[in-house]
Amino acid sequence: LPDETLKRLLAELPVVLLNTVAGAMALDSVMPDNKAGLRLAVRHLYELGHRRIALFGMTPLTVHARERLAGYRQGVAELGLAEIRGYIQTPPRKTGGAAEVQRLVEEAIRTWLALRKPPTAAVTFGDAYALPLLAAARKSGLAVPGDFSVVGFDNASGCAFADPPLTTVDQPLAEMGRQACHLLAERLKHPGGVARRLVLDVRLEVRGSTGPCAASARRS
């Protein structure tokens, strides 16, 4: 919500933000640890032998996407990997519809395959990108995870039924809801208290879309 809208709400009601944050305003909020989630994803791929790890998302960047992009960059740097030109693909969103996403992930796969050293794995800003990326990789002749591994974020309900099932970062949604209600109850008791921002731990749900990097790719 725009800050002006939040200001009008605050004039009438206590406000707690769930799964988002305010721009310049100090408000109670509950968020998943987006940065840690992408760092977990990158480290998981690294431990499988991947050294050429790409990223796909779309712009404009939401607060979640900005934090996840930062987490990807932190994860790559922590492991001593170079940030390779062309690996980060964040094309602009126009409609955000399924057909547009599918077209853009197919373009990303073609861009990656045309590089001198194509990535062997990719992390994404969310399952809404990772699931079509699986299909695009297979359409391009890549075996998943034999040739190319994919990691999502959100653990949407369809991830377990994808082909192959999608490895993804799981958010503690129920606990986020509980903590938001707790913050709201505290805000009702203490209207003038200091605003709190809670960032809850995430975990990696490992499934079939990630696997060991091919030995030939590790050597090249």
Protein backbone atom coordinates (compact mmCIF):
# COMPACT_ATOMS: atom_id res chain seq x y z
CA LEU A 1 0.00 0.00 0.00
CA PRO A 2 1.21 3.55 -0.64
CA ASP A 3 2.40 5.42 2.45
CA GLU A 4 -0.44 7.94 2.06
CA THR A 5 -2.99 5.13 2.30
CA LEU A 6 -1.24 3.71 5.35
CA LYS A 7 -1.26 7.12 7.01
CA ARG A 8 -5.03 7.36 6.53
CA LEU A 9 -5.48 3.88 7.98
CA LEU A 10 -3.27 4.67 10.96
CA ALA A 11 -5.47 7.64 11.77
CA GLU A 12 -8.33 5.19 12.40
CA LEU A 13 -6.83 1.76 13.16
CA PRO A 14 -3.75 -0.06 14.44
CA VAL A 15 -1.87 -1.54 11.47
CA VAL A 16 0.35 -4.63 11.14
CA LEU A 17 1.78 -5.54 7.74
CA LEU A 18 1.92 -9.21 6.81
CA ASN A 19 4.32 -10.35 4.05
CA THR A 20 5.23 -6.78 3.11
CA VAL A 21 6.87 -3.68 4.59
CA ALA A 22 6.12 0.04 4.46
CA GLY A 23 8.26 2.42 2.45
CA ALA A 24 9.38 5.21 4.76
CA MET A 25 7.07 4.46 7.69
CA ALA A 26 7.86 2.57 10.90
CA LEU A 27 5.13 -0.08 11.17
CA ASP A 28 4.89 -3.52 12.71
CA SER A 29 5.52 -6.15 10.03
CA VAL A 30 6.13 -9.86 9.54
CA MET A 31 8.26 -11.14 6.66
CA PRO A 32 10.02 -14.34 5.59
CA ASP A 33 13.82 -14.24 5.46
CA ASN A 34 14.07 -13.76 1.71
CA LYS A 35 17.83 -13.23 1.66
CA ALA A 36 18.53 -16.35 3.68
CA GLY A 37 16.23 -18.35 1.41
CA LEU A 38 18.20 -17.53 -1.72
CA ARG A 39 21.47 -18.12 0.10
CA LEU A 40 20.18 -21.58 1.09
CA ALA A 41 19.23 -22.27 -2.53
CA VAL A 42 22.62 -21.21 -3.88
CA ARG A 43 24.49 -23.22 -1.24
CA HIS A 44 22.36 -26.30 -1.96
CA LEU A 45 23.31 -26.11 -5.63
CA TYR A 46 26.94 -25.48 -4.76
CA GLU A 47 27.01 -28.58 -2.56
CA LEU A 48 25.68 -30.56 -5.53
CA GLY A 49 28.73 -29.44 -7.52
CA HIS A 50 27.22 -26.51 -9.40
CA ARG A 51 29.51 -23.52 -9.90
CA ARG A 52 27.60 -21.75 -12.68
CA ILE A 53 24.33 -20.68 -11.02
CA ALA A 54 21.94 -18.29 -12.77
CA LEU A 55 18.91 -16.35 -11.54
CA PHE A 56 15.53 -15.60 -13.13
CA GLY A 57 12.90 -13.08 -12.06
CA MET A 58 10.97 -10.16 -13.51
CA THR A 59 10.97 -6.40 -13.00
CA PRO A 60 9.79 -4.12 -11.51
CA LEU A 61 11.15 -5.68 -8.34
CA THR A 62 8.90 -6.10 -5.32
CA VAL A 63 10.39 -5.93 -1.83
CA HIS A 64 10.59 -9.74 -1.90
CA ALA A 65 12.39 -9.77 -5.24
CA ARG A 66 14.86 -7.09 -4.13
CA GLU A 67 15.72 -9.07 -1.01
CA ARG A 68 15.97 -12.33 -2.94
CA LEU A 69 18.26 -10.75 -5.53
CA ALA A 70 20.45 -9.50 -2.68
CA GLY A 71 20.42 -13.00 -1.17
CA TYR A 72 21.51 -14.53 -4.47
CA ARG A 73 24.40 -12.09 -4.74
CA GLN A 74 25.41 -12.71 -1.13
CA GLY A 75 25.25 -16.46 -1.62
CA VAL A 76 27.39 -16.37 -4.75
CA ALA A 77 29.95 -14.09 -3.09
CA GLU A 78 30.13 -16.17 0.11
CA LEU A 79 31.01 -19.25 -1.93
CA GLY A 80 33.68 -17.44 -3.93
CA LEU A 81 31.79 -17.69 -7.22
CA ALA A 82 32.01 -15.02 -9.88
CA GLU A 83 28.85 -13.13 -10.84
CA ILE A 84 28.89 -13.91 -14.56
CA ARG A 85 27.48 -11.46 -17.06
CA GLY A 86 24.22 -12.74 -18.52
CA TYR A 87 23.42 -15.11 -15.68
CA ILE A 88 20.98 -12.70 -13.99
CA GLN A 89 17.85 -12.49 -16.15
CA THR A 90 15.19 -10.06 -14.88
CA PRO A 91 13.19 -8.97 -17.96
CA PRO A 92 10.46 -6.34 -17.59
CA ARG A 93 6.93 -7.47 -16.78
CA LYS A 94 4.09 -6.08 -18.89
CA THR A 95 1.04 -8.21 -18.14
CA GLY A 96 2.48 -10.78 -15.76
CA GLY A 97 0.26 -13.41 -17.38
CA ALA A 98 1.24 -17.05 -17.80
CA ALA A 99 1.89 -16.72 -21.55
CA GLU A 100 4.25 -13.79 -20.99
CA VAL A 101 6.15 -15.59 -18.23
CA GLN A 102 6.51 -18.71 -20.39
CA ARG A 103 7.86 -16.65 -23.30
CA LEU A 104 10.36 -14.85 -21.09
CA VAL A 105 11.70 -17.97 -19.41
CA GLU A 106 12.17 -19.55 -22.84
CA GLU A 107 14.12 -16.45 -23.90
CA ALA A 108 16.22 -16.73 -20.74
CA ILE A 109 17.05 -20.38 -21.48
CA ARG A 110 18.11 -19.46 -25.02
CA THR A 111 20.28 -16.62 -23.68
CA TRP A 112 21.95 -18.90 -21.17
CA LEU A 113 22.60 -21.66 -23.68
CA ALA A 114 24.24 -19.17 -26.05
CA LEU A 115 26.83 -18.17 -23.45
CA ARG A 116 30.37 -19.54 -23.66
CA LYS A 117 29.83 -21.15 -20.26
CA PRO A 118 26.10 -21.77 -19.84
CA PRO A 119 24.79 -22.09 -16.29
CA THR A 120 24.11 -25.58 -14.99
CA ALA A 121 21.44 -24.43 -12.51
CA ALA A 122 19.14 -21.52 -11.75
CA VAL A 123 17.38 -20.07 -8.73
CA THR A 124 14.28 -17.93 -9.14
CA PHE A 125 12.33 -15.21 -7.34
CA GLY A 126 9.37 -17.57 -6.97
CA ASP A 127 7.66 -20.79 -7.99
CA ALA A 128 5.59 -18.84 -10.53
CA TYR A 129 8.85 -18.51 -12.47
CA ALA A 130 10.49 -21.80 -11.51
CA LEU A 131 7.66 -24.03 -12.72
CA PRO A 132 7.56 -22.57 -16.27
CA LEU A 133 11.37 -22.57 -16.23
CA LEU A 134 11.26 -26.34 -15.75
CA ALA A 135 9.06 -26.67 -18.82
CA ALA A 136 11.23 -24.29 -20.85
CA ALA A 137 14.40 -26.18 -19.99
CA ARG A 138 12.89 -29.48 -21.06
CA LYS A 139 11.50 -27.91 -24.23
CA SER A 140 15.05 -26.81 -25.06
CA GLY A 141 16.32 -30.37 -24.77
CA LEU A 142 17.79 -30.08 -21.28
CA ALA A 143 17.24 -32.92 -18.84
CA VAL A 144 16.15 -31.73 -15.40
CA PRO A 145 18.04 -32.26 -13.18
CA GLY A 146 20.61 -34.15 -15.28
CA ASP A 147 21.64 -31.14 -17.37
CA PHE A 148 20.03 -28.29 -15.47
CA SER A 149 18.75 -27.87 -11.90
CA VAL A 150 16.02 -25.42 -10.83
CA VAL A 151 15.07 -23.99 -7.42
CA GLY A 152 11.91 -22.00 -6.68
CA PHE A 153 10.70 -19.95 -3.72
CA ASP A 154 7.32 -20.04 -1.88
CA ASN A 155 6.57 -23.80 -1.90
CA ALA A 156 3.29 -23.33 -3.76
CA SER A 157 0.84 -26.22 -3.67
CA GLY A 158 1.68 -27.41 -7.18
CA CYS A 159 5.42 -27.80 -6.59
CA ALA A 160 5.18 -31.38 -5.31
CA PHE A 161 3.26 -32.41 -8.45
CA ALA A 162 5.56 -30.81 -11.05
CA ASP A 163 7.61 -32.98 -13.39
CA PRO A 164 10.06 -33.32 -11.75
CA PRO A 165 8.84 -32.13 -8.34
CA LEU A 166 10.27 -28.70 -7.62
CA THR A 167 12.93 -28.00 -5.03
CA THR A 168 11.86 -24.74 -3.39
CA VAL A 169 12.23 -22.48 -0.38
CA ASP A 170 9.37 -22.99 2.08
CA GLN A 171 7.95 -20.04 4.03
CA PRO A 172 6.39 -20.52 7.50
CA LEU A 173 3.05 -19.01 6.44
CA ALA A 174 1.02 -20.23 9.41
CA GLU A 175 3.61 -18.95 11.87
CA MET A 176 3.77 -15.63 10.02
CA GLY A 177 0.01 -15.30 10.47
CA ARG A 178 0.24 -16.14 14.18
CA GLN A 179 3.02 -13.61 14.73
CA ALA A 180 1.07 -10.90 12.87
CA CYS A 181 -1.93 -11.49 15.15
CA HIS A 182 0.35 -11.36 18.19
CA LEU A 183 1.83 -8.04 17.03
CA LEU A 184 -1.66 -6.67 16.46
CA ALA A 185 -2.76 -7.68 19.97
CA GLU A 186 0.34 -5.99 21.41
CA ARG A 187 -0.32 -2.87 19.33
CA LEU A 188 -3.89 -2.68 20.70
CA LYS A 189 -2.53 -2.86 24.26
CA HIS A 190 0.36 -0.45 23.66
CA PRO A 191 -0.55 1.96 20.82
CA GLY A 192 2.58 4.06 21.27
CA GLY A 193 5.13 1.25 21.38
CA VAL A 194 8.16 0.98 19.11
CA ALA A 195 7.40 -0.70 15.76
CA ARG A 196 8.76 -4.21 15.36
CA ARG A 197 9.80 -5.97 12.17
CA LEU A 198 9.84 -9.76 12.51
CA VAL A 199 11.77 -11.80 9.93
CA LEU A 200 11.04 -15.52 10.21
CA ASP A 201 13.32 -18.39 9.21
CA VAL A 202 12.72 -20.29 5.99
CA ARG A 203 13.83 -23.77 4.96
CA LEU A 204 14.70 -25.55 1.75
CA GLU A 205 12.32 -28.30 0.57
CA VAL A 206 14.53 -30.54 -1.58
CA ARG A 207 12.74 -32.44 -4.34
CA GLY A 208 13.57 -33.83 -7.76
CA SER A 209 14.37 -30.67 -9.75
CA THR A 210 17.91 -30.43 -8.33
CA GLY A 211 20.68 -32.95 -8.70
CA PRO A 212 24.45 -33.30 -8.98
CA CYS A 213 26.20 -31.21 -11.58
CA ALA A 214 27.55 -33.28 -14.48
CA ALA A 215 31.27 -34.00 -14.09
CA SER A 216 32.05 -32.45 -17.49
CA ALA A 217 30.38 -29.19 -16.47
CA ARG A 218 32.27 -29.07 -13.17
CA ARG A 219 35.59 -29.35 -15.01
CA SER A 220 34.83 -26.71 -17.65
